[in-house]
PDB file of N, CA and C in Angstrom:
ATOM      1  N   MET A   1     113.845  91.088  96.346  1.00  0.00           N
ATOM      2  CA  MET A   1     113.770  90.039  97.576  1.00  0.00           C
ATOM      3  C   MET A   1     112.154  90.838  97.689  1.00  0.00           C
ATOM      4  N   GLN A   2     112.048  92.345  97.938  1.00  0.00           N
ATOM      5  CA  GLN A   2     110.426  92.976  97.658  1.00  0.00           C
ATOM      6  C   GLN A   2     109.608  92.097  96.864  1.00  0.00           C
ATOM      7  N   ALA A   3     109.918  91.666  95.570  1.00  0.00           N
ATOM      8  CA  ALA A   3     109.148  90.849  95.488  1.00  0.00           C
ATOM      9  C   ALA A   3     108.722  89.315  95.713  1.00  0.00           C
ATOM     10  N   ARG A   4     109.802  88.573  96.409  1.00  0.00           N
ATOM     11  CA  ARG A   4     109.829  87.360  97.202  1.00  0.00           C
ATOM     12  C   ARG A   4     108.794  87.865  98.350  1.00  0.00           C
ATOM     13  N   LEU A   5     109.248  89.084  98.973  1.00  0.00           N
ATOM     14  CA  LEU A   5     108.412  89.216 100.034  1.00  0.00           C
ATOM     15  C   LEU A   5     106.727  89.492  99.839  1.00  0.00           C
ATOM     16  N   GLY A   6     106.693  90.411  98.345  1.00  0.00           N
ATOM     17  CA  GLY A   6     105.196  90.695  98.364  1.00  0.00           C
ATOM     18  C   GLY A   6     104.510  89.478  98.143  1.00  0.00           C
ATOM     19  N   ALA A   7     105.155  88.233  97.387  1.00  0.00           N
ATOM     20  CA  ALA A   7     104.355  86.970  97.453  1.00  0.00           C
ATOM     21  C   ALA A   7     103.948  86.399  98.517  1.00  0.00           C
ATOM     22  N   ARG A   8     104.959  86.403  99.218  1.00  0.00           N
ATOM     23  CA  ARG A   8     104.581  85.973 100.378  1.00  0.00           C
ATOM     24  C   ARG A   8     103.550  86.264 101.668  1.00  0.00           C
ATOM     25  N   LEU A   9     103.417  87.726 101.610  1.00  0.00           N
ATOM     26  CA  LEU A   9     102.529  88.563 102.142  1.00  0.00           C
ATOM     27  C   LEU A   9     101.006  88.084 101.145  1.00  0.00           C
ATOM     28  N   LYS A  10     101.214  88.071  99.760  1.00  0.00           N
ATOM     29  CA  LYS A  10      99.793  87.733  99.559  1.00  0.00           C
ATOM     30  C   LYS A  10      99.221  86.312  99.983  1.00  0.00           C
ATOM     31  N   GLU A  11     100.379  85.174  99.833  1.00  0.00           N
ATOM     32  CA  GLU A  11     100.205  84.129  99.948  1.00  0.00           C
ATOM     33  C   GLU A  11      99.548  83.817 101.157  1.00  0.00           C
ATOM     34  N   ALA A  12     100.298  84.384 102.517  1.00  0.00           N
ATOM     35  CA  ALA A  12      99.953  84.021 103.676  1.00  0.00           C
ATOM     36  C   ALA A  12      98.386  84.532 104.069  1.00  0.00           C
ATOM     37  N   ARG A  13      98.061  86.194 103.501  1.00  0.00           N
ATOM     38  CA  ARG A  13      96.446  86.941 103.355  1.00  0.00           C
ATOM     39  C   ARG A  13      95.517  85.380 102.830  1.00  0.00           C
ATOM     40  N   GLU A  14      96.159  85.451 102.005  1.00  0.00           N
ATOM     41  CA  GLU A  14      94.968  84.686 100.897  1.00  0.00           C
ATOM     42  C   GLU A  14      94.739  83.388 101.613  1.00  0.00           C
ATOM     43  N   THR A  15      96.007  83.034 102.245  1.00  0.00           N
ATOM     44  CA  THR A  15      95.536  81.151 103.110  1.00  0.00           C
ATOM     45  C   THR A  15      94.324  81.549 104.463  1.00  0.00           C
ATOM     46  N   LEU A  16      94.775  82.036 104.287  1.00  0.00           N
ATOM     47  CA  LEU A  16      93.920  82.551 105.829  1.00  0.00           C
ATOM     48  C   LEU A  16      92.222  83.514 105.216  1.00  0.00           C
ATOM     49  N   GLY A  17      92.281  83.786 104.388  1.00  0.00           N
ATOM     50  CA  GLY A  17      90.942  84.606 103.622  1.00  0.00           C
ATOM     51  C   GLY A  17      90.750  85.933 104.653  1.00  0.00           C
ATOM     52  N   ILE A  18      91.889  86.651 104.497  1.00  0.00           N
ATOM     53  CA  ILE A  18      91.566  88.028 105.076  1.00  0.00           C
ATOM     54  C   ILE A  18      91.296  88.671 103.948  1.00  0.00           C
ATOM     55  N   THR A  19      91.168  89.902 103.575  1.00  0.00           N
ATOM     56  CA  THR A  19      90.990  91.058 102.594  1.00  0.00           C
ATOM     57  C   THR A  19      92.078  92.039 103.023  1.00  0.00           C
ATOM     58  N   GLN A  20      92.146  92.423 101.568  1.00  0.00           N
ATOM     59  CA  GLN A  20      93.623  93.600 101.877  1.00  0.00           C
ATOM     60  C   GLN A  20      92.984  94.968 102.855  1.00  0.00           C
ATOM     61  N   GLU A  21      91.937  94.978 102.510  1.00  0.00           N
ATOM     62  CA  GLU A  21      91.490  95.965 103.898  1.00  0.00           C
ATOM     63  C   GLU A  21      91.164  95.975 105.003  1.00  0.00           C
ATOM     64  N   ASP A  22      91.181  94.572 105.468  1.00  0.00           N
ATOM     65  CA  ASP A  22      91.069  93.792 106.862  1.00  0.00           C
ATOM     66  C   ASP A  22      92.750  93.813 107.288  1.00  0.00           C
ATOM     67  N   ALA A  23      94.225  93.283 106.640  1.00  0.00           N
ATOM     68  CA  ALA A  23      95.119  93.430 106.590  1.00  0.00           C
ATOM     69  C   ALA A  23      95.319  95.037 106.641  1.00  0.00           C
ATOM     70  N   ALA A  24      95.255  96.069 105.913  1.00  0.00           N
ATOM     71  CA  ALA A  24      95.427  97.378 106.436  1.00  0.00           C
ATOM     72  C   ALA A  24      95.111  98.235 107.570  1.00  0.00           C
ATOM     73  N   THR A  25      93.800  97.583 107.840  1.00  0.00           N
ATOM     74  CA  THR A  25      93.634  98.038 109.226  1.00  0.00           C
ATOM     75  C   THR A  25      93.849  97.186 110.490  1.00  0.00           C
ATOM     76  N   ALA A  26      94.567  95.964 110.256  1.00  0.00           N
ATOM     77  CA  ALA A  26      95.088  95.583 111.530  1.00  0.00           C
ATOM     78  C   ALA A  26      96.576  96.126 111.853  1.00  0.00           C
ATOM     79  N   VAL A  27      97.164  96.605 110.721  1.00  0.00           N
ATOM     80  CA  VAL A  27      98.396  96.913 110.220  1.00  0.00           C
ATOM     81  C   VAL A  27      98.233  98.494 110.746  1.00  0.00           C
ATOM     82  N   GLY A  28      97.598  99.592 110.703  1.00  0.00           N
ATOM     83  CA  GLY A  28      96.998 100.756 110.664  1.00  0.00           C
ATOM     84  C   GLY A  28      97.426 101.824 109.307  1.00  0.00           C
ATOM     85  N   ILE A  29      97.195 100.890 108.085  1.00  0.00           N
ATOM     86  CA  ILE A  29      97.465 101.416 107.191  1.00  0.00           C
ATOM     87  C   ILE A  29      96.687 101.559 105.754  1.00  0.00           C
ATOM     88  N   PRO A  30      96.709 102.367 105.142  1.00  0.00           N
ATOM     89  CA  PRO A  30      95.743 101.894 104.103  1.00  0.00           C
ATOM     90  C   PRO A  30      96.225 100.902 103.463  1.00  0.00           C
ATOM     91  N   ARG A  31      94.387 100.715 102.336  1.00  0.00           N
ATOM     92  CA  ARG A  31      94.695  99.295 102.236  1.00  0.00           C
ATOM     93  C   ARG A  31      95.422  99.265 100.086  1.00  0.00           C
ATOM     94  N   THR A  32      95.952 100.485 100.516  1.00  0.00           N
ATOM     95  CA  THR A  32      96.813 100.687  98.577  1.00  0.00           C
ATOM     96  C   THR A  32      98.225 100.713  99.256  1.00  0.00           C
ATOM     97  N   ALA A  33      98.154 100.569 100.174  1.00  0.00           N
ATOM     98  CA  ALA A  33      99.791 100.260 100.475  1.00  0.00           C
ATOM     99  C   ALA A  33     100.004  98.747 100.745  1.00  0.00           C
ATOM    100  N   ILE A  34      99.192  98.124 101.492  1.00  0.00           N
ATOM    101  CA  ILE A  34      99.193  96.875 101.014  1.00  0.00           C
ATOM    102  C   ILE A  34      99.245  96.128 100.082  1.00  0.00           C
ATOM    103  N   VAL A  35      98.380  96.765  98.444  1.00  0.00           N
ATOM    104  CA  VAL A  35      98.607  96.379  97.465  1.00  0.00           C
ATOM    105  C   VAL A  35      99.915  96.402  97.475  1.00  0.00           C
ATOM    106  N   SER A  36     100.413  97.813  97.206  1.00  0.00           N
ATOM    107  CA  SER A  36     101.793  98.255  96.867  1.00  0.00           C
ATOM    108  C   SER A  36     102.891  97.045  97.766  1.00  0.00           C
ATOM    109  N   MET A  37     102.184  96.945  98.851  1.00  0.00           N
ATOM    110  CA  MET A  37     103.870  95.789  99.294  1.00  0.00           C
ATOM    111  C   MET A  37     103.470  94.157  98.961  1.00  0.00           C
ATOM    112  N   GLU A  38     102.653  94.406  98.055  1.00  0.00           N
ATOM    113  CA  GLU A  38     102.572  92.648  97.654  1.00  0.00           C
ATOM    114  C   GLU A  38     102.610  92.894  95.928  1.00  0.00           C
ATOM    115  N   ARG A  39     102.761  93.790  96.043  1.00  0.00           N
ATOM    116  CA  ARG A  39     103.506  94.236  94.033  1.00  0.00           C
ATOM    117  C   ARG A  39     104.660  93.890  94.045  1.00  0.00           C
ATOM    118  N   GLY A  40     105.407  94.642  95.351  1.00  0.00           N
ATOM    119  CA  GLY A  40     106.861  94.466  95.723  1.00  0.00           C
ATOM    120  C   GLY A  40     107.876  95.534  95.175  1.00  0.00           C
ATOM    121  N   THR A  41     106.040  97.159  94.914  1.00  0.00           N
ATOM    122  CA  THR A  41     107.441  98.533  94.598  1.00  0.00           C
ATOM    123  C   THR A  41     106.836  98.833  95.986  1.00  0.00           C
ATOM    124  N   ARG A  42     106.558  98.335  96.969  1.00  0.00           N
ATOM    125  CA  ARG A  42     106.973  99.142  98.935  1.00  0.00           C
ATOM    126  C   ARG A  42     107.643  98.660  99.283  1.00  0.00           C
ATOM    127  N   ASN A  43     108.331  99.662 100.248  1.00  0.00           N
ATOM    128  CA  ASN A  43     109.179  98.603 101.274  1.00  0.00           C
ATOM    129  C   ASN A  43     108.259  98.347 102.665  1.00  0.00           C
ATOM    130  N   VAL A  44     108.084  97.607 103.860  1.00  0.00           N
ATOM    131  CA  VAL A  44     107.563  97.039 104.564  1.00  0.00           C
ATOM    132  C   VAL A  44     108.535  97.594 105.624  1.00  0.00           C
ATOM    133  N   SER A  45     107.867  98.202 107.302  1.00  0.00           N
ATOM    134  CA  SER A  45     108.690  98.217 107.996  1.00  0.00           C
ATOM    135  C   SER A  45     108.873  97.178 108.801  1.00  0.00           C
ATOM    136  N   ALA A  46     109.694  97.440 109.381  1.00  0.00           N
ATOM    137  CA  ALA A  46     109.987  96.080 110.656  1.00  0.00           C
ATOM    138  C   ALA A  46     108.809  96.202 111.251  1.00  0.00           C
ATOM    139  N   THR A  47     108.376  96.983 112.122  1.00  0.00           N
ATOM    140  CA  THR A  47     106.845  96.778 112.996  1.00  0.00           C
ATOM    141  C   THR A  47     105.753  96.309 111.566  1.00  0.00           C
ATOM    142  N   GLU A  48     106.377  96.730 110.403  1.00  0.00           N
ATOM    143  CA  GLU A  48     104.362  96.316 109.648  1.00  0.00           C
ATOM    144  C   GLU A  48     104.806  94.829 109.369  1.00  0.00           C
ATOM    145  N   LEU A  49     105.879  94.458 109.430  1.00  0.00           N
ATOM    146  CA  LEU A  49     106.087  93.363 108.722  1.00  0.00           C
ATOM    147  C   LEU A  49     106.258  91.950 109.978  1.00  0.00           C
ATOM    148  N   SER A  50     106.086  92.824 111.516  1.00  0.00           N
ATOM    149  CA  SER A  50     105.642  92.222 112.286  1.00  0.00           C
ATOM    150  C   SER A  50     104.878  91.579 113.082  1.00  0.00           C
ATOM    151  N   VAL A  51     103.976  93.098 112.656  1.00  0.00           N
ATOM    152  CA  VAL A  51     102.558  92.964 113.143  1.00  0.00           C
ATOM    153  C   VAL A  51     101.535  91.241 111.822  1.00  0.00           C
ATOM    154  N   MET A  52     102.013  91.639 110.957  1.00  0.00           N
ATOM    155  CA  MET A  52     101.986  90.794 109.524  1.00  0.00           C
ATOM    156  C   MET A  52     102.175  89.606 109.536  1.00  0.00           C
ATOM    157  N   ALA A  53     103.081  89.170 110.678  1.00  0.00           N
ATOM    158  CA  ALA A  53     103.790  87.988 110.581  1.00  0.00           C
ATOM    159  C   ALA A  53     102.420  87.571 111.405  1.00  0.00           C
ATOM    160  N   SER A  54     102.563  88.189 112.852  1.00  0.00           N
ATOM    161  CA  SER A  54     101.130  87.631 113.455  1.00  0.00           C
ATOM    162  C   SER A  54      99.991  87.788 113.394  1.00  0.00           C
ATOM    163  N   LEU A  55      99.757  89.083 112.238  1.00  0.00           N
ATOM    164  CA  LEU A  55      98.034  88.791 111.793  1.00  0.00           C
ATOM    165  C   LEU A  55      97.771  87.207 110.670  1.00  0.00           C
ATOM    166  N   TYR A  56      98.801  86.977 110.077  1.00  0.00           N
ATOM    167  CA  TYR A  56      99.034  86.016 108.930  1.00  0.00           C
ATOM    168  C   TYR A  56      99.529  84.714 109.999  1.00  0.00           C
ATOM    169  N   ARG A  57      99.709  84.452 110.519  1.00  0.00           N
ATOM    170  CA  ARG A  57     100.445  83.156 111.628  1.00  0.00           C
ATOM    171  C   ARG A  57     100.956  82.415 110.924  1.00  0.00           C
ATOM    172  N   ARG A  58     102.438  83.647 110.414  1.00  0.00           N
ATOM    173  CA  ARG A  58     103.804  83.112 110.080  1.00  0.00           C
ATOM    174  C   ARG A  58     104.849  83.817 111.078  1.00  0.00           C
ATOM    175  N   SER A  59     105.969  83.189 110.600  1.00  0.00           N
ATOM    176  CA  SER A  59     107.196  83.320 110.609  1.00  0.00           C
ATOM    177  C   SER A  59     107.772  85.108 109.992  1.00  0.00           C
ATOM    178  N   VAL A  60     108.798  85.805 110.747  1.00  0.00           N
ATOM    179  CA  VAL A  60     108.848  86.611 109.809  1.00  0.00           C
ATOM    180  C   VAL A  60     110.118  86.380 109.098  1.00  0.00           C
ATOM    181  N   PRO A  61     111.108  85.009 109.398  1.00  0.00           N
ATOM    182  CA  PRO A  61     111.868  84.549 108.682  1.00  0.00           C
ATOM    183  C   PRO A  61     111.073  83.839 107.442  1.00  0.00           C
ATOM    184  N   TRP A  62     109.999  83.159 107.761  1.00  0.00           N
ATOM    185  CA  TRP A  62     108.830  82.669 106.152  1.00  0.00           C
ATOM    186  C   TRP A  62     108.743  83.838 105.508  1.00  0.00           C
ATOM    187  N   LEU A  63     107.975  85.177 105.972  1.00  0.00           N
ATOM    188  CA  LEU A  63     107.755  86.082 105.089  1.00  0.00           C
ATOM    189  C   LEU A  63     109.216  86.536 104.207  1.00  0.00           C
ATOM    190  N   LEU A  64     110.358  86.507 104.960  1.00  0.00           N
ATOM    191  CA  LEU A  64     111.175  87.277 103.963  1.00  0.00           C
ATOM    192  C   LEU A  64     112.144  85.605 102.799  1.00  0.00           C
ATOM    193  N   GLY A  65     111.186  84.945 103.225  1.00  0.00           N
ATOM    194  CA  GLY A  65     111.845  83.971 101.623  1.00  0.00           C
ATOM    195  C   GLY A  65     112.466  82.390 103.004  1.00  0.00           C
ATOM    196  N   GLU A  66     112.939  82.569 103.584  1.00  0.00           N
ATOM    197  CA  GLU A  66     113.506  81.490 104.154  1.00  0.00           C
ATOM    198  C   GLU A  66     112.682  80.392 104.531  1.00  0.00           C
ATOM    199  N   PRO A  67     113.426  78.635 104.635  1.00  0.00           N
ATOM    200  CA  PRO A  67     112.574  77.969 104.329  1.00  0.00           C
ATOM    201  C   PRO A  67     111.374  77.890 105.563  1.00  0.00           C
ATOM    202  N   SER A  68     110.163  77.031 104.908  1.00  0.00           N
ATOM    203  CA  SER A  68     108.670  76.555 105.388  1.00  0.00           C
ATOM    204  C   SER A  68     108.925  76.143 106.672  1.00  0.00           C
ATOM    205  N   ASP A  69     108.227  76.751 107.558  1.00  0.00           N
ATOM    206  CA  ASP A  69     108.014  76.069 109.029  1.00  0.00           C
ATOM    207  C   ASP A  69     106.460  76.371 109.164  1.00  0.00           C
ATOM    208  N   ALA A  70     105.525  76.743 107.827  1.00  0.00           N
ATOM    209  CA  ALA A  70     103.910  77.115 108.046  1.00  0.00           C
ATOM    210  C   ALA A  70     103.756  75.674 108.168  1.00  0.00           C
ATOM    211  N   PRO A  71     103.108  75.114 108.853  1.00  0.00           N
ATOM    212  CA  PRO A  71     102.430  73.418 109.262  1.00  0.00           C
ATOM    213  C   PRO A  71     101.044  73.399 108.177  1.00  0.00           C
ATOM    214  N   VAL A  72     101.966  72.599 107.225  1.00  0.00           N
ATOM    215  CA  VAL A  72     101.189  71.828 105.659  1.00  0.00           C
ATOM    216  C   VAL A  72      99.404  71.165 106.460  1.00  0.00           C
ATOM    217  N   ASP A  73      99.112  71.182 107.421  1.00  0.00           N
ATOM    218  CA  ASP A  73      97.952  70.171 107.910  1.00  0.00           C
ATOM    219  C   ASP A  73      97.053  71.879 108.351  1.00  0.00           C
ATOM    220  N   GLY A  74      97.294  72.607 108.733  1.00  0.00           N
ATOM    221  CA  GLY A  74      97.286  74.118 108.749  1.00  0.00           C
ATOM    222  C   GLY A  74      96.710  74.657 107.424  1.00  0.00           C
ATOM    223  N   ASN A  75      97.881  74.857 106.723  1.00  0.00           N
ATOM    224  CA  ASN A  75      97.232  75.382 105.619  1.00  0.00           C
ATOM    225  C   ASN A  75      95.603  74.464 104.859  1.00  0.00           C
ATOM    226  N   ALA A  76      96.191  73.499 104.951  1.00  0.00           N
ATOM    227  CA  ALA A  76      94.855  72.423 104.105  1.00  0.00           C
ATOM    228  C   ALA A  76      93.898  73.100 104.591  1.00  0.00           C
ATOM    229  N   LEU A  77      93.880  73.013 106.501  1.00  0.00           N
ATOM    230  CA  LEU A  77      92.419  73.342 107.189  1.00  0.00           C
ATOM    231  C   LEU A  77      91.528  74.729 106.878  1.00  0.00           C
ATOM    232  N   PHE A  78      92.792  75.216 106.788  1.00  0.00           N
ATOM    233  CA  PHE A  78      92.153  76.571 106.055  1.00  0.00           C
ATOM    234  C   PHE A  78      91.408  76.516 104.700  1.00  0.00           C
ATOM    235  N   ARG A  79      92.645  76.323 103.773  1.00  0.00           N
ATOM    236  CA  ARG A  79      92.008  76.051 102.699  1.00  0.00           C
ATOM    237  C   ARG A  79      90.286  75.654 102.124  1.00  0.00           C
ATOM    238  N   ALA A  80      89.963  73.977 103.300  1.00  0.00           N
ATOM    239  CA  ALA A  80      89.082  73.737 103.327  1.00  0.00           C
ATOM    240  C   ALA A  80      88.088  73.813 103.842  1.00  0.00           C
ATOM    241  N   THR A  81      88.212  74.995 104.603  1.00  0.00           N
ATOM    242  CA  THR A  81      87.029  75.761 105.526  1.00  0.00           C
ATOM    243  C   THR A  81      86.833  77.207 105.002  1.00  0.00           C
ATOM    244  N   ALA A  82      87.291  77.355 103.887  1.00  0.00           N
ATOM    245  CA  ALA A  82      87.421  78.754 103.480  1.00  0.00           C
ATOM    246  C   ALA A  82      85.654  79.368 102.524  1.00  0.00           C
ATOM    247  N   SER A  83      85.269  77.956 101.751  1.00  0.00           N
ATOM    248  CA  SER A  83      84.127  78.385 101.096  1.00  0.00           C
ATOM    249  C   SER A  83      83.122  78.165 101.940  1.00  0.00           C
ATOM    250  N   LEU A  84      83.544  77.748 103.347  1.00  0.00           N
ATOM    251  CA  LEU A  84      81.857  77.193 104.407  1.00  0.00           C
ATOM    252  C   LEU A  84      81.655  78.852 104.790  1.00  0.00           C
ATOM    253  N   SER A  85      80.141  78.350 105.096  1.00  0.00           N
ATOM    254  CA  SER A  85      79.720  79.845 105.858  1.00  0.00           C
ATOM    255  C   SER A  85      80.119  80.284 106.488  1.00  0.00           C
ATOM    256  N   GLU A  86      79.319  81.720 107.346  1.00  0.00           N
ATOM    257  CA  GLU A  86      79.907  81.827 108.879  1.00  0.00           C
ATOM    258  C   GLU A  86      79.746  80.646 109.818  1.00  0.00           C
ATOM    259  N   ALA A  87      78.023  80.239 109.851  1.00  0.00           N
ATOM    260  CA  ALA A  87      77.672  79.417 110.693  1.00  0.00           C
ATOM    261  C   ALA A  87      78.344  78.076 110.737  1.00  0.00           C
ATOM    262  N   ASP A  88      78.601  77.557 109.478  1.00  0.00           N
ATOM    263  CA  ASP A  88      79.275  76.450 109.535  1.00  0.00           C
ATOM    264  C   ASP A  88      80.997  76.700 110.054  1.00  0.00           C
ATOM    265  N   LYS A  89      81.802  77.582 109.914  1.00  0.00           N
ATOM    266  CA  LYS A  89      82.665  77.661 110.276  1.00  0.00           C
ATOM    267  C   LYS A  89      83.048  78.162 111.716  1.00  0.00           C
ATOM    268  N   LYS A  90      82.009  78.877 112.170  1.00  0.00           N
ATOM    269  CA  LYS A  90      81.946  78.933 113.667  1.00  0.00           C
ATOM    270  C   LYS A  90      81.828  77.113 114.423  1.00  0.00           C
ATOM    271  N   GLN A  91      80.804  76.771 113.898  1.00  0.00           N
ATOM    272  CA  GLN A  91      80.717  74.994 114.136  1.00  0.00           C
ATOM    273  C   GLN A  91      82.527  74.087 113.810  1.00  0.00           C
ATOM    274  N   VAL A  92      82.698  74.100 113.194  1.00  0.00           N
ATOM    275  CA  VAL A  92      84.001  73.936 113.110  1.00  0.00           C
ATOM    276  C   VAL A  92      85.176  74.566 113.759  1.00  0.00           C
ATOM    277  N   LEU A  93      84.936  75.486 114.358  1.00  0.00           N
ATOM    278  CA  LEU A  93      85.943  75.967 115.647  1.00  0.00           C
ATOM    279  C   LEU A  93      84.910  75.297 116.677  1.00  0.00           C
ATOM    280  N   ARG A  94      84.380  75.668 116.837  1.00  0.00           N
ATOM    281  CA  ARG A  94      83.939  75.224 117.954  1.00  0.00           C
ATOM    282  C   ARG A  94      84.171  73.232 118.628  1.00  0.00           C
ATOM    283  N   PHE A  95      83.862  72.806 117.166  1.00  0.00           N
ATOM    284  CA  PHE A  95      84.713  71.422 117.202  1.00  0.00           C
ATOM    285  C   PHE A  95      86.375  71.441 117.719  1.00  0.00           C
ATOM    286  N   ALA A  96      86.465  72.056 116.954  1.00  0.00           N
ATOM    287  CA  ALA A  96      88.576  71.876 116.873  1.00  0.00           C
ATOM    288  C   ALA A  96      88.764  72.036 118.525  1.00  0.00           C
ATOM    289  N   GLN A  97      88.320  73.903 119.088  1.00  0.00           N
ATOM    290  CA  GLN A  97      88.373  74.140 120.793  1.00  0.00           C
ATOM    291  C   GLN A  97      87.919  73.069 121.211  1.00  0.00           C
ATOM    292  N   PHE A  98      86.846  71.869 121.597  1.00  0.00           N
ATOM    293  CA  PHE A  98      86.733  70.734 121.984  1.00  0.00           C
ATOM    294  C   PHE A  98      87.662  69.753 122.026  1.00  0.00           C
ATOM    295  N   LEU A  99      88.097  69.421 120.181  1.00  0.00           N
ATOM    296  CA  LEU A  99      89.304  68.483 120.708  1.00  0.00           C
ATOM    297  C   LEU A  99      90.222  68.662 120.865  1.00  0.00           C
ATOM    298  N   SER A 100      90.566  70.748 120.976  1.00  0.00           N
ATOM    299  CA  SER A 100      91.856  71.005 121.738  1.00  0.00           C
ATOM    300  C   SER A 100      92.229  70.178 123.360  1.00  0.00           C
ATOM    301  N   SER A 101      91.074  70.718 123.739  1.00  0.00           N
ATOM    302  CA  SER A 101      90.432  70.652 125.328  1.00  0.00           C
ATOM    303  C   SER A 101      90.574  69.142 125.730  1.00  0.00           C
ATOM    304  N   ALA A 102      90.509  68.791 124.540  1.00  0.00           N
ATOM    305  CA  ALA A 102      89.837  67.082 125.197  1.00  0.00           C
ATOM    306  C   ALA A 102      91.087  66.262 126.211  1.00  0.00           C
ATOM    307  N   GLY A 103      92.486  67.106 125.517  1.00  0.00           N
ATOM    308  CA  GLY A 103      93.777  66.514 125.721  1.00  0.00           C
ATOM    309  C   GLY A 103      94.253  65.209 124.896  1.00  0.00           C
ATOM    310  N   THR A 104      94.536  64.074 125.361  1.00  0.00           N
ATOM    311  CA  THR A 104      95.431  63.322 124.638  1.00  0.00           C
ATOM    312  C   THR A 104      94.418  61.915 124.910  1.00  0.00           C
ATOM    313  N   PRO A 105      94.036  61.758 123.784  1.00  0.00           N
ATOM    314  CA  PRO A 105      93.192  60.349 123.569  1.00  0.00           C
ATOM    315  C   PRO A 105      94.235  58.678 124.293  1.00  0.00           C
ATOM    316  N   PRO A 106      93.386  58.292 125.083  1.00  0.00           N
ATOM    317  CA  PRO A 106      93.779  56.982 125.406  1.00  0.00           C
ATOM    318  C   PRO A 106      94.175  55.972 124.890  1.00  0.00           C
ATOM    319  N   SER A 107      95.532  55.246 125.072  1.00  0.00           N
ATOM    320  CA  SER A 107      96.399  54.460 123.555  1.00  0.00           C
ATOM    321  C   SER A 107      95.440  53.965 123.666  1.00  0.00           C
ATOM    322  N   THR A 108      94.830  52.627 122.506  1.00  0.00           N
ATOM    323  CA  THR A 108      94.145  52.087 121.661  1.00  0.00           C
ATOM    324  C   THR A 108      95.177  50.842 121.534  1.00  0.00           C
ATOM    325  N   ASP A 109      96.548  50.732 122.117  1.00  0.00           N
ATOM    326  CA  ASP A 109      97.306  50.002 122.106  1.00  0.00           C
ATOM    327  C   ASP A 109      96.845  48.827 123.659  1.00  0.00           C
ATOM    328  N   GLN A 110      96.165  49.446 124.533  1.00  0.00           N
ATOM    329  CA  GLN A 110      96.654  49.306 125.564  1.00  0.00           C
ATOM    330  C   GLN A 110      95.015  47.716 125.994  1.00  0.00           C
ATOM    331  N   ALA A 111      96.208  46.786 126.024  1.00  0.00           N
ATOM    332  CA  ALA A 111      94.940  45.649 126.636  1.00  0.00           C
ATOM    333  C   ALA A 111      93.338  46.175 127.491  1.00  0.00           C
ATOM    334  N   LEU A 112      92.551  45.346 127.116  1.00  0.00           N
ATOM    335  CA  LEU A 112      91.795  46.085 128.198  1.00  0.00           C
ATOM    336  C   LEU A 112      91.442  44.549 129.555  1.00  0.00           C
TER     337      LEU A 112
END
């Protein structure tokens, strides 16, 4: 159980490009604790699990190894942008925010 949880924690963290140090700071624990959790050699408290689920944008059940609820497209987007410069990442974020605020586009099926 701990090994599966550790693998899921590591996968979720790496998918988002979050360092172990950043995760540790967000959770309020030493980086070595994150290392131990990901190796499956340290128990994860309910509070830590909740904070990490929020940080990693995953549900607690997913982290615990239950069926995936992670959007495949979101993961692909994170992987695709991982190697971009910070300036390019900001540009992608601005574009995503623009698309989000634009609302639903008009249907192209309607006759003019």
